[in-house]
Amino acid sequence: MNQAGQPVPAGWKRETNMARTNHGGEKGFSIIELMIVMSILGILITMAIFSYMSAIDRIKLQGDVRELNGTLQLARMRSISSGISHGVAFWRRDGSAKGTSPDAYFVFVDCNNDLKFTDNGDGPGNNKAINSWDECKTSLGYDPILRGEKFKPLTNGNYFTTIFGSTSKDTAKNGADLEFVAFNALGQAMWGISTLVSGDSDIFMQNHHVQKGDNTVDKAGVRVFGGSGATDLLPMSRGSN
């Protein structure tokens, strides 16, 4: 009977009881279902982290390449404006693979205008700095940097792979053509007075960071055109480590 005292049809009562029984029997997620969901979330988060780290590495590599390109053009413009040859020397350092002493580069003043970089024998980091171009005459025998200039280290993880055809400091002798480029007063890129940059005119760098199970890395670089001294960014590519 219902609240009004009237009899209730038997079928209706059974349906009501059935509905109550089903409602009371509803359950949440099982442990297995939760574990499956958490596993999927873990995979997605891991993929997102690797993607993020790869993107950060590419941004750092592109930043280093752009800064190198700007430094090359700075040396070229100084050569044209001062009439004194300037250049960029490249310094491969032993700790670059460990990220402790990254490869570096710097602008030098070619005091004797031989369009070569001459080290003082103690390593490029120890070359005496000068205050102005006027001091070049007292600094013959090696090519200094201007006081206040800084060595430009690559971002940790990035390093030079090929510099004008040289794949390591062991394949390029100190002061050799392969580890520097100089610009004459006309802005042309030179490897010595009689050698215009041509052929292997690219400077490549890449990143040490390699994803697990992936032996490919990002590579990028700058191309130097000897006749004009102009430079151009090379598109980033993927290659084997």
Protein backbone atom coordinates (compact mmCIF):
# COMPACT_ATOMS: atom_id res chain seq x y z
CA MET A 1 0.00 0.00 0.00
CA ASN A 2 1.15 3.55 -0.66
CA GLN A 3 1.08 6.48 1.73
CA ALA A 4 -2.58 7.16 0.89
CA GLY A 5 -3.54 3.64 1.98
CA GLN A 6 -4.24 2.44 -1.52
CA PRO A 7 -2.90 -0.90 -2.72
CA VAL A 8 0.19 -0.76 -4.91
CA PRO A 9 0.36 -2.90 -8.04
CA ALA A 10 2.69 -5.82 -7.59
CA GLY A 11 4.65 -5.08 -10.77
CA TRP A 12 5.38 -1.53 -9.69
CA LYS A 13 6.66 -2.71 -6.36
CA ARG A 14 8.97 -5.23 -7.94
CA GLU A 15 10.42 -2.58 -10.29
CA THR A 16 10.99 -0.26 -7.36
CA ASN A 17 12.79 -2.93 -5.41
CA MET A 18 14.83 -3.82 -8.48
CA ALA A 19 15.84 -0.21 -8.97
CA ARG A 20 16.84 0.04 -5.36
CA THR A 21 18.81 -3.15 -5.60
CA ASN A 22 20.71 -1.95 -8.72
CA HIS A 23 21.37 1.47 -7.21
CA GLY A 24 22.80 -0.03 -4.09
CA GLY A 25 25.03 -2.35 -6.08
CA GLU A 26 26.96 0.37 -8.01
CA LYS A 27 30.76 0.28 -7.51
CA GLY A 28 33.81 2.62 -8.19
CA PHE A 29 36.99 1.88 -10.17
CA SER A 30 38.78 -1.32 -9.37
CA ILE A 31 42.48 -1.41 -8.39
CA ILE A 32 43.37 -2.87 -11.78
CA GLU A 33 41.51 -0.13 -13.63
CA LEU A 34 43.26 2.55 -11.56
CA MET A 35 46.66 0.94 -12.26
CA ILE A 36 45.95 0.94 -16.00
CA VAL A 37 44.95 4.60 -15.94
CA MET A 38 48.04 5.56 -13.90
CA SER A 39 50.29 3.63 -16.29
CA ILE A 40 48.86 5.46 -19.29
CA LEU A 41 49.28 8.80 -17.53
CA GLY A 42 52.89 7.90 -16.69
CA ILE A 43 53.66 7.10 -20.32
CA LEU A 44 52.09 10.34 -21.52
CA ILE A 45 53.98 12.39 -18.93
CA THR A 46 57.29 10.72 -19.85
CA MET A 47 56.70 11.43 -23.54
CA ALA A 48 55.87 15.06 -22.73
CA ILE A 49 59.07 15.46 -20.68
CA PHE A 50 61.28 14.04 -23.47
CA SER A 51 59.54 16.26 -26.01
CA TYR A 52 60.05 19.30 -23.77
CA MET A 53 63.74 18.51 -23.18
CA SER A 54 64.32 18.02 -26.91
CA ALA A 55 62.67 21.35 -27.63
CA ILE A 56 64.85 23.09 -25.03
CA ASP A 57 68.00 21.52 -26.52
CA ARG A 58 67.01 22.75 -30.00
CA ILE A 59 66.38 26.26 -28.70
CA LYS A 60 69.81 26.33 -27.00
CA LEU A 61 71.52 25.04 -30.14
CA GLN A 62 69.78 27.59 -32.34
CA GLY A 63 70.76 30.31 -29.86
CA ASP A 64 74.43 29.32 -29.99
CA VAL A 65 74.41 29.25 -33.79
CA ARG A 66 72.80 32.70 -34.03
CA GLU A 67 75.29 34.17 -31.56
CA LEU A 68 78.21 32.69 -33.49
CA ASN A 69 76.82 34.17 -36.68
CA GLY A 70 76.57 37.58 -35.02
CA THR A 71 80.14 37.32 -33.72
CA LEU A 72 81.47 36.54 -37.19
CA GLN A 73 79.75 39.60 -38.57
CA LEU A 74 81.05 41.72 -35.67
CA ALA A 75 84.64 40.73 -36.54
CA ARG A 76 83.98 41.51 -40.20
CA MET A 77 82.57 44.97 -39.47
CA ARG A 78 85.48 45.80 -37.16
CA SER A 79 87.90 44.87 -39.91
CA ILE A 80 86.17 47.15 -42.40
CA SER A 81 85.79 50.08 -40.00
CA SER A 82 89.30 49.97 -38.52
CA GLY A 83 91.34 48.75 -41.47
CA ILE A 84 92.91 46.21 -39.10
CA SER A 85 92.13 42.57 -39.67
CA HIS A 86 89.94 40.88 -37.08
CA GLY A 87 88.88 37.27 -36.91
CA VAL A 88 87.20 34.58 -34.89
CA ALA A 89 89.21 31.75 -33.31
CA PHE A 90 87.63 28.51 -32.15
CA TRP A 91 88.67 26.77 -28.95
CA ARG A 92 87.85 23.10 -28.48
CA ARG A 93 88.24 22.19 -24.82
CA ASP A 94 88.72 18.76 -23.29
CA GLY A 95 85.84 19.04 -20.86
CA SER A 96 83.19 19.82 -23.44
CA ALA A 97 82.03 16.20 -23.62
CA LYS A 98 81.40 16.26 -19.86
CA GLY A 99 79.79 19.67 -19.89
CA THR A 100 82.44 21.10 -17.55
CA SER A 101 84.53 23.12 -20.01
CA PRO A 102 82.41 23.80 -23.07
CA ASP A 103 83.91 24.69 -26.42
CA ALA A 104 84.34 28.42 -26.93
CA TYR A 105 85.21 31.06 -29.51
CA PHE A 106 86.35 34.68 -29.45
CA VAL A 107 87.18 37.68 -31.61
CA PHE A 108 90.91 38.34 -32.03
CA VAL A 109 92.79 41.34 -33.39
CA ASP A 110 95.18 40.40 -36.21
CA CYS A 111 97.94 42.81 -35.23
CA ASN A 112 100.37 41.98 -38.03
CA ASN A 113 97.64 41.70 -40.67
CA ASP A 114 98.74 38.27 -41.85
CA LEU A 115 95.10 37.14 -41.74
CA LYS A 116 95.95 34.25 -39.44
CA PHE A 117 95.41 33.55 -35.77
CA THR A 118 98.66 33.15 -33.86
CA ASP A 119 98.56 31.77 -30.33
CA ASN A 120 101.12 32.70 -27.70
CA GLY A 121 101.77 29.06 -26.94
CA ASP A 122 100.00 28.91 -23.57
CA GLY A 123 96.54 28.32 -24.96
CA PRO A 124 94.12 30.85 -26.43
CA GLY A 125 92.72 31.67 -23.02
CA ASN A 126 96.05 33.17 -21.95
CA ASN A 127 96.63 35.55 -24.82
CA LYS A 128 97.26 39.01 -23.44
CA ALA A 129 94.47 41.49 -24.00
CA ILE A 130 95.09 45.01 -25.31
CA ASN A 131 93.20 48.22 -24.60
CA SER A 132 92.90 49.46 -28.18
CA TRP A 133 93.92 48.77 -31.75
CA ASP A 134 96.78 51.26 -31.31
CA GLU A 135 98.56 48.75 -29.05
CA CYS A 136 98.84 46.22 -31.84
CA LYS A 137 102.40 47.32 -32.68
CA THR A 138 103.55 46.23 -29.21
CA SER A 139 101.80 42.89 -29.47
CA LEU A 140 103.33 41.31 -32.54
CA GLY A 141 103.96 37.59 -32.32
CA TYR A 142 100.49 36.63 -31.19
CA ASP A 143 96.98 37.84 -31.80
CA PRO A 144 95.32 39.34 -28.70
CA ILE A 145 91.78 40.20 -27.86
CA LEU A 146 90.55 43.66 -26.89
CA ARG A 147 90.39 44.16 -23.14
CA GLY A 148 86.84 43.71 -21.95
CA GLU A 149 86.03 41.16 -24.60
CA LYS A 150 84.91 37.80 -23.34
CA PHE A 151 85.33 34.26 -24.52
CA LYS A 152 82.00 32.99 -25.68
CA PRO A 153 81.43 29.44 -24.40
CA LEU A 154 78.81 27.29 -26.02
CA THR A 155 75.84 26.27 -23.92
CA ASN A 156 76.59 23.18 -21.84
CA GLY A 157 75.84 20.14 -23.97
CA ASN A 158 76.63 21.87 -27.26
CA TYR A 159 80.01 21.45 -28.96
CA PHE A 160 81.73 21.97 -32.31
CA THR A 161 81.62 18.94 -34.57
CA THR A 162 83.23 20.32 -37.74
CA ILE A 163 85.07 23.60 -38.17
CA PHE A 164 86.04 24.23 -41.79
CA GLY A 165 86.55 20.53 -42.38
CA SER A 166 88.28 19.79 -39.08
CA THR A 167 86.50 17.26 -36.87
CA SER A 168 88.62 17.67 -33.73
CA LYS A 169 91.46 19.72 -32.32
CA ASP A 170 93.73 16.74 -33.01
CA THR A 171 93.15 17.08 -36.75
CA ALA A 172 93.84 20.83 -36.77
CA LYS A 173 97.26 22.07 -35.73
CA ASN A 174 97.62 25.14 -33.57
CA GLY A 175 97.27 28.19 -35.80
CA ALA A 176 96.21 26.08 -38.78
CA ASP A 177 93.71 27.23 -41.38
CA LEU A 178 90.97 25.08 -39.95
CA GLU A 179 90.48 26.62 -36.50
CA PHE A 180 90.02 30.30 -37.30
CA VAL A 181 88.71 32.70 -39.89
CA ALA A 182 89.97 36.26 -40.44
CA PHE A 183 88.47 39.19 -42.33
CA ASN A 184 90.51 41.68 -44.31
CA ALA A 185 89.80 45.40 -44.66
CA LEU A 186 87.41 44.63 -47.56
CA GLY A 187 85.43 42.28 -45.34
CA GLN A 188 86.51 39.14 -47.19
CA ALA A 189 86.92 35.91 -45.20
CA MET A 190 90.49 34.62 -45.35
CA TRP A 191 92.74 31.80 -44.13
CA GLY A 192 95.96 33.73 -44.55
CA ILE A 193 96.86 36.50 -46.98
CA SER A 194 96.60 34.39 -50.12
CA THR A 195 93.83 31.96 -49.15
CA LEU A 196 90.24 33.02 -49.64
CA VAL A 197 87.73 30.93 -47.73
CA SER A 198 86.11 28.43 -50.08
CA GLY A 199 85.21 24.76 -50.18
CA ASP A 200 84.77 23.56 -46.60
CA SER A 201 83.38 26.81 -45.31
CA ASP A 202 80.90 25.48 -42.76
CA ILE A 203 81.01 25.51 -38.96
CA PHE A 204 78.80 22.83 -37.42
CA MET A 205 77.83 22.23 -33.82
CA GLN A 206 75.54 19.73 -32.15
CA ASN A 207 74.27 18.69 -28.73
CA HIS A 208 75.63 15.92 -26.50
CA HIS A 209 72.18 15.10 -25.17
CA VAL A 210 70.89 11.93 -26.79
CA GLN A 211 67.57 10.37 -25.84
CA LYS A 212 67.67 6.80 -24.60
CA GLY A 213 67.32 4.40 -27.50
CA ASP A 214 67.83 7.23 -30.01
CA ASN A 215 71.27 7.74 -31.55
CA THR A 216 70.30 10.85 -33.52
CA VAL A 217 71.05 14.41 -32.48
CA ASP A 218 70.24 17.90 -33.65
CA LYS A 219 72.88 19.62 -35.78
CA ALA A 220 73.11 23.22 -36.94
CA GLY A 221 75.75 25.59 -38.24
CA VAL A 222 76.95 28.67 -40.09
CA ARG A 223 78.33 28.94 -43.62
CA VAL A 224 80.97 31.55 -44.45
CA PHE A 225 81.27 32.96 -47.98
CA GLY A 226 84.86 34.00 -48.62
CA GLY A 227 84.43 36.50 -51.45
CA SER A 228 81.90 38.68 -49.64
CA GLY A 229 82.55 37.68 -46.05
CA ALA A 230 78.82 37.17 -45.63
CA THR A 231 77.50 34.37 -43.46
CA ASP A 232 74.34 32.32 -43.53
CA LEU A 233 72.60 30.06 -41.03
CA LEU A 234 72.37 26.42 -42.05
CA PRO A 235 69.03 24.70 -41.40
CA MET A 236 68.87 22.43 -38.38
CA SER A 237 68.97 18.75 -39.23
CA ARG A 238 69.01 15.36 -37.52
CA GLY A 239 71.96 13.02 -37.79
CA SER A 240 73.76 10.19 -36.05
CA ASN A 241 75.73 11.04 -32.94
